[in-house]
Amino acid sequence: MNRNVLSSTLKSLRKEHGLTQMDLAMKSGVGLNFVRELEQGEATVRLDKVAQVFDLFGYELVPQKKMK
């Protein structure tokens, strides 16, 4: 999953569930800055924390072959 898809998916899920970035950070156990960076597609985010945030919505990150 590329960064743009990941960040836009997270933002959509957050809004769909009526959460602010602060709500998401608190409920998933990560910092507010992390959520902001993740939604902006920053390249420096930690994969374990990304998985932790998406777990809140019942999603998991899996390796997938790139589409050509």
PDB file of N, CA and C in Angstrom:
ATOM      1  N   MET A   1       0.857  -1.167   0.000  1.00  0.00           N
ATOM      2  CA  MET A   1       0.000   0.000   0.000  1.00  0.00           C
ATOM      3  C   MET A   1       0.904   1.231   0.000  1.00  0.00           C
ATOM      4  N   ASN A   2       0.740   2.091  -0.980  1.00  0.00           N
ATOM      5  CA  ASN A   2       1.622   3.251  -0.998  1.00  0.00           C
ATOM      6  C   ASN A   2       1.150   4.284   0.011  1.00  0.00           C
ATOM      7  N   ARG A   3       2.008   5.236   0.296  1.00  0.00           N
ATOM      8  CA  ARG A   3       1.734   6.227   1.346  1.00  0.00           C
ATOM      9  C   ARG A   3       0.461   7.022   1.080  1.00  0.00           C
ATOM     10  N   ASN A   4       0.218   7.401  -0.169  1.00  0.00           N
ATOM     11  CA  ASN A   4      -0.965   8.202  -0.473  1.00  0.00           C
ATOM     12  C   ASN A   4      -2.246   7.425  -0.199  1.00  0.00           C
ATOM     13  N   VAL A   5      -2.271   6.159  -0.572  1.00  0.00           N
ATOM     14  CA  VAL A   5      -3.448   5.326  -0.319  1.00  0.00           C
ATOM     15  C   VAL A   5      -3.624   5.122   1.174  1.00  0.00           C
ATOM     16  N   LEU A   6      -2.537   4.861   1.856  1.00  0.00           N
ATOM     17  CA  LEU A   6      -2.571   4.644   3.299  1.00  0.00           C
ATOM     18  C   LEU A   6      -3.103   5.883   4.021  1.00  0.00           C
ATOM     19  N   SER A   7      -2.563   7.033   3.697  1.00  0.00           N
ATOM     20  CA  SER A   7      -2.972   8.257   4.390  1.00  0.00           C
ATOM     21  C   SER A   7      -4.414   8.632   4.059  1.00  0.00           C
ATOM     22  N   SER A   8      -4.819   8.503   2.812  1.00  0.00           N
ATOM     23  CA  SER A   8      -6.197   8.858   2.460  1.00  0.00           C
ATOM     24  C   SER A   8      -7.192   7.862   3.048  1.00  0.00           C
ATOM     25  N   THR A   9      -6.825   6.590   3.122  1.00  0.00           N
ATOM     26  CA  THR A   9      -7.692   5.582   3.732  1.00  0.00           C
ATOM     27  C   THR A   9      -7.891   5.885   5.209  1.00  0.00           C
ATOM     28  N   LEU A  10      -6.809   6.196   5.890  1.00  0.00           N
ATOM     29  CA  LEU A  10      -6.913   6.500   7.311  1.00  0.00           C
ATOM     30  C   LEU A  10      -7.785   7.732   7.551  1.00  0.00           C
ATOM     31  N   LYS A  11      -7.567   8.770   6.781  1.00  0.00           N
ATOM     32  CA  LYS A  11      -8.349   9.994   6.950  1.00  0.00           C
ATOM     33  C   LYS A  11      -9.836   9.721   6.715  1.00  0.00           C
ATOM     34  N   SER A  12     -10.147   8.937   5.693  1.00  0.00           N
ATOM     35  CA  SER A  12     -11.544   8.589   5.410  1.00  0.00           C
ATOM     36  C   SER A  12     -12.160   7.775   6.541  1.00  0.00           C
ATOM     37  N   LEU A  13     -11.423   6.791   7.049  1.00  0.00           N
ATOM     38  CA  LEU A  13     -11.921   5.974   8.157  1.00  0.00           C
ATOM     39  C   LEU A  13     -12.156   6.820   9.402  1.00  0.00           C
ATOM     40  N   ARG A  14     -11.219   7.708   9.677  1.00  0.00           N
ATOM     41  CA  ARG A  14     -11.337   8.571  10.859  1.00  0.00           C
ATOM     42  C   ARG A  14     -12.600   9.424  10.762  1.00  0.00           C
ATOM     43  N   LYS A  15     -12.809  10.037   9.612  1.00  0.00           N
ATOM     44  CA  LYS A  15     -13.980  10.899   9.429  1.00  0.00           C
ATOM     45  C   LYS A  15     -15.278  10.090   9.433  1.00  0.00           C
ATOM     46  N   GLU A  16     -15.239   8.912   8.813  1.00  0.00           N
ATOM     47  CA  GLU A  16     -16.414   8.027   8.772  1.00  0.00           C
ATOM     48  C   GLU A  16     -16.870   7.661  10.184  1.00  0.00           C
ATOM     49  N   HIS A  17     -15.897   7.522  11.091  1.00  0.00           N
ATOM     50  CA  HIS A  17     -16.202   7.157  12.475  1.00  0.00           C
ATOM     51  C   HIS A  17     -16.379   8.382  13.366  1.00  0.00           C
ATOM     52  N   GLY A  18     -16.371   9.563  12.775  1.00  0.00           N
ATOM     53  CA  GLY A  18     -16.612  10.788  13.528  1.00  0.00           C
ATOM     54  C   GLY A  18     -15.535  11.127  14.535  1.00  0.00           C
ATOM     55  N   LEU A  19     -14.287  10.779  14.212  1.00  0.00           N
ATOM     56  CA  LEU A  19     -13.178  11.028  15.132  1.00  0.00           C
ATOM     57  C   LEU A  19     -12.344  12.221  14.685  1.00  0.00           C
ATOM     58  N   THR A  20     -11.881  12.990  15.640  1.00  0.00           N
ATOM     59  CA  THR A  20     -10.883  14.009  15.345  1.00  0.00           C
ATOM     60  C   THR A  20      -9.532  13.321  15.333  1.00  0.00           C
ATOM     61  N   GLN A  21      -8.514  14.027  14.888  1.00  0.00           N
ATOM     62  CA  GLN A  21      -7.165  13.456  14.944  1.00  0.00           C
ATOM     63  C   GLN A  21      -6.782  13.159  16.392  1.00  0.00           C
ATOM     64  N   MET A  22      -7.169  14.034  17.318  1.00  0.00           N
ATOM     65  CA  MET A  22      -6.870  13.816  18.735  1.00  0.00           C
ATOM     66  C   MET A  22      -7.585  12.570  19.247  1.00  0.00           C
ATOM     67  N   ASP A  23      -8.865  12.407  18.882  1.00  0.00           N
ATOM     68  CA  ASP A  23      -9.609  11.209  19.284  1.00  0.00           C
ATOM     69  C   ASP A  23      -8.902   9.952  18.798  1.00  0.00           C
ATOM     70  N   LEU A  24      -8.506   9.960  17.539  1.00  0.00           N
ATOM     71  CA  LEU A  24      -7.844   8.800  16.951  1.00  0.00           C
ATOM     72  C   LEU A  24      -6.538   8.496  17.683  1.00  0.00           C
ATOM     73  N   ALA A  25      -5.775   9.518  17.953  1.00  0.00           N
ATOM     74  CA  ALA A  25      -4.511   9.334  18.664  1.00  0.00           C
ATOM     75  C   ALA A  25      -4.750   8.696  20.034  1.00  0.00           C
ATOM     76  N   MET A  26      -5.711   9.225  20.764  1.00  0.00           N
ATOM     77  CA  MET A  26      -5.990   8.707  22.113  1.00  0.00           C
ATOM     78  C   MET A  26      -6.523   7.281  22.081  1.00  0.00           C
ATOM     79  N   LYS A  27      -7.459   7.008  21.176  1.00  0.00           N
ATOM     80  CA  LYS A  27      -8.076   5.681  21.117  1.00  0.00           C
ATOM     81  C   LYS A  27      -7.118   4.604  20.625  1.00  0.00           C
ATOM     82  N   SER A  28      -6.190   4.987  19.750  1.00  0.00           N
ATOM     83  CA  SER A  28      -5.258   3.989  19.205  1.00  0.00           C
ATOM     84  C   SER A  28      -3.944   3.926  19.984  1.00  0.00           C
ATOM     85  N   GLY A  29      -3.736   4.865  20.906  1.00  0.00           N
ATOM     86  CA  GLY A  29      -2.542   4.814  21.754  1.00  0.00           C
ATOM     87  C   GLY A  29      -1.281   5.369  21.117  1.00  0.00           C
ATOM     88  N   VAL A  30      -1.442   6.277  20.174  1.00  0.00           N
ATOM     89  CA  VAL A  30      -0.272   6.923  19.565  1.00  0.00           C
ATOM     90  C   VAL A  30      -0.389   8.434  19.776  1.00  0.00           C
ATOM     91  N   GLY A  31       0.653   9.146  19.448  1.00  0.00           N
ATOM     92  CA  GLY A  31       0.643  10.591  19.632  1.00  0.00           C
ATOM     93  C   GLY A  31      -0.078  11.329  18.513  1.00  0.00           C
ATOM     94  N   LEU A  32      -0.549  12.532  18.838  1.00  0.00           N
ATOM     95  CA  LEU A  32      -1.239  13.368  17.870  1.00  0.00           C
ATOM     96  C   LEU A  32      -0.345  13.694  16.680  1.00  0.00           C
ATOM     97  N   ASN A  33       0.911  14.013  16.927  1.00  0.00           N
ATOM     98  CA  ASN A  33       1.830  14.315  15.817  1.00  0.00           C
ATOM     99  C   ASN A  33       1.974  13.123  14.881  1.00  0.00           C
ATOM    100  N   PHE A  34       1.970  11.920  15.444  1.00  0.00           N
ATOM    101  CA  PHE A  34       2.078  10.722  14.614  1.00  0.00           C
ATOM    102  C   PHE A  34       0.876  10.621  13.678  1.00  0.00           C
ATOM    103  N   VAL A  35      -0.324  10.835  14.214  1.00  0.00           N
ATOM    104  CA  VAL A  35      -1.538  10.773  13.396  1.00  0.00           C
ATOM    105  C   VAL A  35      -1.472  11.820  12.291  1.00  0.00           C
ATOM    106  N   ARG A  36      -1.064  13.025  12.634  1.00  0.00           N
ATOM    107  CA  ARG A  36      -0.963  14.092  11.629  1.00  0.00           C
ATOM    108  C   ARG A  36       0.020  13.719  10.526  1.00  0.00           C
ATOM    109  N   GLU A  37       1.185  13.221  10.916  1.00  0.00           N
ATOM    110  CA  GLU A  37       2.191  12.830   9.929  1.00  0.00           C
ATOM    111  C   GLU A  37       1.700  11.673   9.067  1.00  0.00           C
ATOM    112  N   LEU A  38       1.004  10.747   9.671  1.00  0.00           N
ATOM    113  CA  LEU A  38       0.485   9.595   8.934  1.00  0.00           C
ATOM    114  C   LEU A  38      -0.551  10.043   7.905  1.00  0.00           C
ATOM    115  N   GLU A  39      -1.437  10.935   8.294  1.00  0.00           N
ATOM    116  CA  GLU A  39      -2.443  11.431   7.358  1.00  0.00           C
ATOM    117  C   GLU A  39      -1.834  12.295   6.261  1.00  0.00           C
ATOM    118  N   GLN A  40      -0.671  12.855   6.503  1.00  0.00           N
ATOM    119  CA  GLN A  40       0.005  13.675   5.491  1.00  0.00           C
ATOM    120  C   GLN A  40       0.932  12.846   4.611  1.00  0.00           C
ATOM    121  N   GLY A  41       1.044  11.550   4.898  1.00  0.00           N
ATOM    122  CA  GLY A  41       1.859  10.672   4.076  1.00  0.00           C
ATOM    123  C   GLY A  41       3.352  10.808   4.316  1.00  0.00           C
ATOM    124  N   GLU A  42       3.730  11.248   5.521  1.00  0.00           N
ATOM    125  CA  GLU A  42       5.155  11.392   5.840  1.00  0.00           C
ATOM    126  C   GLU A  42       5.869  10.047   5.715  1.00  0.00           C
ATOM    127  N   ALA A  43       7.067  10.083   5.219  1.00  0.00           N
ATOM    128  CA  ALA A  43       7.832   8.857   4.970  1.00  0.00           C
ATOM    129  C   ALA A  43       8.483   8.301   6.223  1.00  0.00           C
ATOM    130  N   THR A  44       8.471   9.034   7.316  1.00  0.00           N
ATOM    131  CA  THR A  44       9.234   8.629   8.485  1.00  0.00           C
ATOM    132  C   THR A  44       8.426   7.903   9.556  1.00  0.00           C
ATOM    133  N   VAL A  45       7.159   7.571   9.291  1.00  0.00           N
ATOM    134  CA  VAL A  45       6.341   6.926  10.315  1.00  0.00           C
ATOM    135  C   VAL A  45       6.795   5.490  10.574  1.00  0.00           C
ATOM    136  N   ARG A  46       6.537   5.008  11.785  1.00  0.00           N
ATOM    137  CA  ARG A  46       6.912   3.653  12.174  1.00  0.00           C
ATOM    138  C   ARG A  46       5.808   2.673  11.804  1.00  0.00           C
ATOM    139  N   LEU A  47       6.188   1.605  11.159  1.00  0.00           N
ATOM    140  CA  LEU A  47       5.215   0.629  10.681  1.00  0.00           C
ATOM    141  C   LEU A  47       4.428  -0.007  11.823  1.00  0.00           C
ATOM    142  N   ASP A  48       5.057  -0.253  12.959  1.00  0.00           N
ATOM    143  CA  ASP A  48       4.329  -0.861  14.073  1.00  0.00           C
ATOM    144  C   ASP A  48       3.224   0.065  14.578  1.00  0.00           C
ATOM    145  N   LYS A  49       3.483   1.355  14.572  1.00  0.00           N
ATOM    146  CA  LYS A  49       2.464   2.308  15.005  1.00  0.00           C
ATOM    147  C   LYS A  49       1.374   2.470  13.944  1.00  0.00           C
ATOM    148  N   VAL A  50       1.744   2.383  12.686  1.00  0.00           N
ATOM    149  CA  VAL A  50       0.742   2.437  11.615  1.00  0.00           C
ATOM    150  C   VAL A  50      -0.232   1.278  11.801  1.00  0.00           C
ATOM    151  N   ALA A  51       0.304   0.091  12.032  1.00  0.00           N
ATOM    152  CA  ALA A  51      -0.528  -1.092  12.239  1.00  0.00           C
ATOM    153  C   ALA A  51      -1.414  -0.915  13.472  1.00  0.00           C
ATOM    154  N   GLN A  52      -0.877  -0.305  14.513  1.00  0.00           N
ATOM    155  CA  GLN A  52      -1.627  -0.064  15.744  1.00  0.00           C
ATOM    156  C   GLN A  52      -2.829   0.839  15.488  1.00  0.00           C
ATOM    157  N   VAL A  53      -2.644   1.882  14.694  1.00  0.00           N
ATOM    158  CA  VAL A  53      -3.732   2.805  14.381  1.00  0.00           C
ATOM    159  C   VAL A  53      -4.801   2.118  13.537  1.00  0.00           C
ATOM    160  N   PHE A  54      -4.400   1.407  12.495  1.00  0.00           N
ATOM    161  CA  PHE A  54      -5.371   0.745  11.627  1.00  0.00           C
ATOM    162  C   PHE A  54      -6.103  -0.395  12.335  1.00  0.00           C
ATOM    163  N   ASP A  55      -5.474  -0.987  13.332  1.00  0.00           N
ATOM    164  CA  ASP A  55      -6.109  -2.049  14.105  1.00  0.00           C
ATOM    165  C   ASP A  55      -7.384  -1.557  14.777  1.00  0.00           C
ATOM    166  N   LEU A  56      -7.418  -0.284  15.142  1.00  0.00           N
ATOM    167  CA  LEU A  56      -8.607   0.298  15.756  1.00  0.00           C
ATOM    168  C   LEU A  56      -9.836   0.136  14.863  1.00  0.00           C
ATOM    169  N   PHE A  57      -9.639   0.158  13.543  1.00  0.00           N
ATOM    170  CA  PHE A  57     -10.737   0.030  12.585  1.00  0.00           C
ATOM    171  C   PHE A  57     -10.898  -1.391  12.048  1.00  0.00           C
ATOM    172  N   GLY A  58     -10.136  -2.338  12.597  1.00  0.00           N
ATOM    173  CA  GLY A  58     -10.229  -3.717  12.145  1.00  0.00           C
ATOM    174  C   GLY A  58      -9.465  -3.993  10.856  1.00  0.00           C
ATOM    175  N   TYR A  59      -8.502  -3.138  10.540  1.00  0.00           N
ATOM    176  CA  TYR A  59      -7.679  -3.321   9.341  1.00  0.00           C
ATOM    177  C   TYR A  59      -6.311  -3.855   9.751  1.00  0.00           C
ATOM    178  N   GLU A  60      -5.678  -4.577   8.840  1.00  0.00           N
ATOM    179  CA  GLU A  60      -4.304  -5.004   9.069  1.00  0.00           C
ATOM    180  C   GLU A  60      -3.483  -4.682   7.828  1.00  0.00           C
ATOM    181  N   LEU A  61      -2.211  -4.481   8.048  1.00  0.00           N
ATOM    182  CA  LEU A  61      -1.292  -4.206   6.941  1.00  0.00           C
ATOM    183  C   LEU A  61      -0.659  -5.517   6.520  1.00  0.00           C
ATOM    184  N   VAL A  62      -0.705  -5.768   5.236  1.00  0.00           N
ATOM    185  CA  VAL A  62      -0.135  -7.012   4.725  1.00  0.00           C
ATOM    186  C   VAL A  62       0.739  -6.704   3.513  1.00  0.00           C
ATOM    187  N   PRO A  63       1.807  -7.482   3.329  1.00  0.00           N
ATOM    188  CA  PRO A  63       2.608  -7.279   2.129  1.00  0.00           C
ATOM    189  C   PRO A  63       1.805  -7.684   0.902  1.00  0.00           C
ATOM    190  N   GLN A  64       1.927  -6.888  -0.122  1.00  0.00           N
ATOM    191  CA  GLN A  64       1.191  -7.166  -1.345  1.00  0.00           C
ATOM    192  C   GLN A  64       2.078  -6.801  -2.523  1.00  0.00           C
ATOM    193  N   LYS A  65       2.073  -7.649  -3.518  1.00  0.00           N
ATOM    194  CA  LYS A  65       2.854  -7.364  -4.729  1.00  0.00           C
ATOM    195  C   LYS A  65       2.306  -6.116  -5.412  1.00  0.00           C
ATOM    196  N   LYS A  66       3.196  -5.275  -5.853  1.00  0.00           N
ATOM    197  CA  LYS A  66       2.799  -4.043  -6.534  1.00  0.00           C
ATOM    198  C   LYS A  66       2.087  -4.357  -7.825  1.00  0.00           C
ATOM    199  N   MET A  67       1.078  -3.553  -8.112  1.00  0.00           N
ATOM    200  CA  MET A  67       0.380  -3.667  -9.387  1.00  0.00           C
ATOM    201  C   MET A  67       1.212  -2.954 -10.443  1.00  0.00           C
ATOM    202  N   LYS A  68       1.324  -3.532 -11.620  1.00  0.00           N
ATOM    203  CA  LYS A  68       2.139  -2.926 -12.667  1.00  0.00           C
ATOM    204  C   LYS A  68       1.301  -2.100 -13.591  1.00  0.00           C
TER     205      LYS A  68
END
